[in-house]
């Protein structure tokens, strides 16, 4: 799937097209800032470490925003005000315990910030309020 859809929180409305990812994506996790959304880790053709960024303000195609420290899919995305975190996931058919941290403001490879106590695949989500 490469299409990005959006809907208004304030009203009960049908989704509308917002733009596209650079190509087909599958099994990615997501994070968001106040101005942008991010999709992390692509399993469409193997294990890909890519991070893509899409602006909430304009209907455009997503742009590259760096890479995860480890290529993986089915990870867990967490958001805070200035950084995104990607935890666990499936890295080359093995559960990962890596917690990556990346800056919303810079297009760089994320850093291995910490490790989960137990390696997990697709187990929850979290967002700062």
Protein backbone atom coordinates (compact mmCIF):
# COMPACT_ATOMS: atom_id res chain seq x y z
CA UNK A 1 0.00 0.00 0.00
CA UNK A 2 1.41 3.41 -0.88
CA UNK A 3 -1.57 5.75 -0.45
CA UNK A 4 -1.81 8.04 2.59
CA UNK A 5 -5.36 8.81 3.76
CA UNK A 6 -6.50 11.39 6.30
CA UNK A 7 -9.64 12.24 8.26
CA UNK A 8 -10.69 15.07 10.55
CA UNK A 9 -10.82 14.24 14.28
CA UNK A 10 -13.43 16.94 14.85
CA UNK A 11 -16.07 15.57 12.49
CA UNK A 12 -17.42 12.20 11.44
CA UNK A 13 -16.27 12.21 7.85
CA UNK A 14 -15.03 9.88 5.16
CA UNK A 15 -11.27 9.61 4.65
CA UNK A 16 -9.68 11.51 1.79
CA UNK A 17 -6.40 11.09 -0.07
CA UNK A 18 -3.47 13.01 1.44
CA UNK A 19 -0.56 11.85 -0.70
CA UNK A 20 1.58 8.79 -1.30
CA UNK A 21 4.53 6.97 0.21
CA UNK A 22 7.56 6.61 -2.08
CA UNK A 23 6.39 3.10 -3.00
CA UNK A 24 4.51 0.16 -1.52
CA UNK A 25 4.94 -0.29 2.26
CA UNK A 26 4.00 -3.16 4.51
CA UNK A 27 4.37 -3.82 8.26
CA UNK A 28 5.73 -0.37 9.14
CA UNK A 29 5.30 1.35 12.50
CA UNK A 30 4.45 5.02 12.87
CA UNK A 31 5.31 8.09 14.92
CA UNK A 32 4.06 11.65 14.68
CA UNK A 33 4.97 15.19 15.61
CA UNK A 34 2.63 18.18 15.62
CA UNK A 35 3.53 18.90 11.97
CA UNK A 36 4.55 15.59 10.39
CA UNK A 37 3.90 11.86 10.31
CA UNK A 38 6.60 9.19 10.01
CA UNK A 39 6.50 5.55 8.85
CA UNK A 40 9.39 3.35 9.92
CA UNK A 41 10.60 -0.04 8.65
CA UNK A 42 9.27 -1.51 5.43
CA UNK A 43 8.61 -5.18 4.78
CA UNK A 44 7.31 -4.92 1.23
CA UNK A 45 10.48 -6.44 -0.26
CA UNK A 46 12.52 -7.96 2.55
CA UNK A 47 13.58 -6.03 5.64
CA UNK A 48 14.16 -2.32 4.98
CA UNK A 49 15.43 0.24 7.52
CA UNK A 50 13.86 3.29 5.84
CA UNK A 51 12.00 6.12 7.60
CA UNK A 52 9.68 8.34 5.52
CA UNK A 53 8.14 11.67 6.52
CA UNK A 54 4.86 13.20 5.38
CA UNK A 55 3.72 16.75 6.16
CA UNK A 56 0.29 17.17 7.74
CA UNK A 57 -0.01 20.59 6.07
CA UNK A 58 0.26 19.55 2.42
CA UNK A 59 -0.93 16.71 0.21
CA UNK A 60 2.45 15.56 -1.09
CA UNK A 61 4.48 12.40 -1.57
CA UNK A 62 6.42 11.33 1.52
CA UNK A 63 10.16 12.05 1.63
CA UNK A 64 13.08 10.05 2.99
CA UNK A 65 13.91 10.89 6.60
CA UNK A 66 16.86 8.59 7.29
CA UNK A 67 16.99 4.99 8.46
CA UNK A 68 16.51 2.83 11.51
CA UNK A 69 19.72 1.49 13.10
CA UNK A 70 18.51 -2.06 12.32
CA UNK A 71 16.26 -3.03 9.38
CA UNK A 72 13.05 -4.48 10.81
CA UNK A 73 9.29 -4.74 10.42
CA UNK A 74 6.31 -5.12 12.78
CA UNK A 75 7.93 -2.79 15.31
CA UNK A 76 6.21 -0.48 17.79
CA UNK A 77 6.20 3.30 17.22
CA UNK A 78 6.15 5.83 20.07
CA UNK A 79 5.96 9.59 19.75
CA UNK A 80 7.07 12.50 21.88
CA UNK A 81 7.38 16.19 21.08
CA UNK A 82 10.81 16.22 19.40
CA UNK A 83 11.71 12.57 18.74
CA UNK A 84 10.23 9.31 17.53
CA UNK A 85 11.05 5.91 19.02
CA UNK A 86 10.80 2.53 17.31
CA UNK A 87 10.90 -0.50 19.60
CA UNK A 88 11.28 -4.21 18.96
CA UNK A 89 10.02 -5.78 15.78
CA UNK A 90 11.06 -8.54 13.43
CA UNK A 91 14.67 -8.15 12.26
CA UNK A 92 15.52 -10.75 9.61
CA UNK A 93 13.04 -13.27 11.04
CA UNK A 94 14.21 -12.80 14.63
CA UNK A 95 12.51 -10.75 17.37
CA UNK A 96 14.42 -7.53 18.14
CA UNK A 97 14.99 -5.80 21.48
CA UNK A 98 16.36 -2.55 19.94
CA UNK A 99 14.80 0.82 20.82
CA UNK A 100 15.75 3.37 18.13
CA UNK A 101 15.42 7.13 18.65
CA UNK A 102 15.31 9.65 15.80
CA UNK A 103 14.88 13.41 15.66
CA UNK A 104 11.86 14.84 13.86
CA UNK A 105 13.99 17.84 12.90
CA UNK A 106 16.90 16.13 11.13
CA UNK A 107 17.18 13.56 8.36
CA UNK A 108 19.71 11.15 9.87
CA UNK A 109 20.01 7.48 10.78
CA UNK A 110 18.37 6.76 14.11
CA UNK A 111 20.46 5.72 17.10
CA UNK A 112 20.08 2.56 19.18
CA UNK A 113 18.86 4.38 22.30
CA UNK A 114 18.24 1.43 24.64
CA UNK A 115 17.15 -2.19 24.68
CA UNK A 116 13.86 -3.78 25.65
CA UNK A 117 14.10 -6.33 28.47
CA UNK A 118 12.52 -8.90 26.15
CA UNK A 119 12.56 -8.88 22.34
CA UNK A 120 9.03 -8.37 20.97
CA UNK A 121 7.14 -8.20 17.68
CA UNK A 122 3.96 -6.03 17.41
CA UNK A 123 3.13 -5.55 21.09
CA UNK A 124 1.42 -2.18 21.69
CA UNK A 125 2.05 1.50 21.03
CA UNK A 126 2.56 4.74 22.89
CA UNK A 127 2.25 8.47 22.33
CA UNK A 128 3.01 11.50 24.46
CA UNK A 129 0.02 13.73 25.12
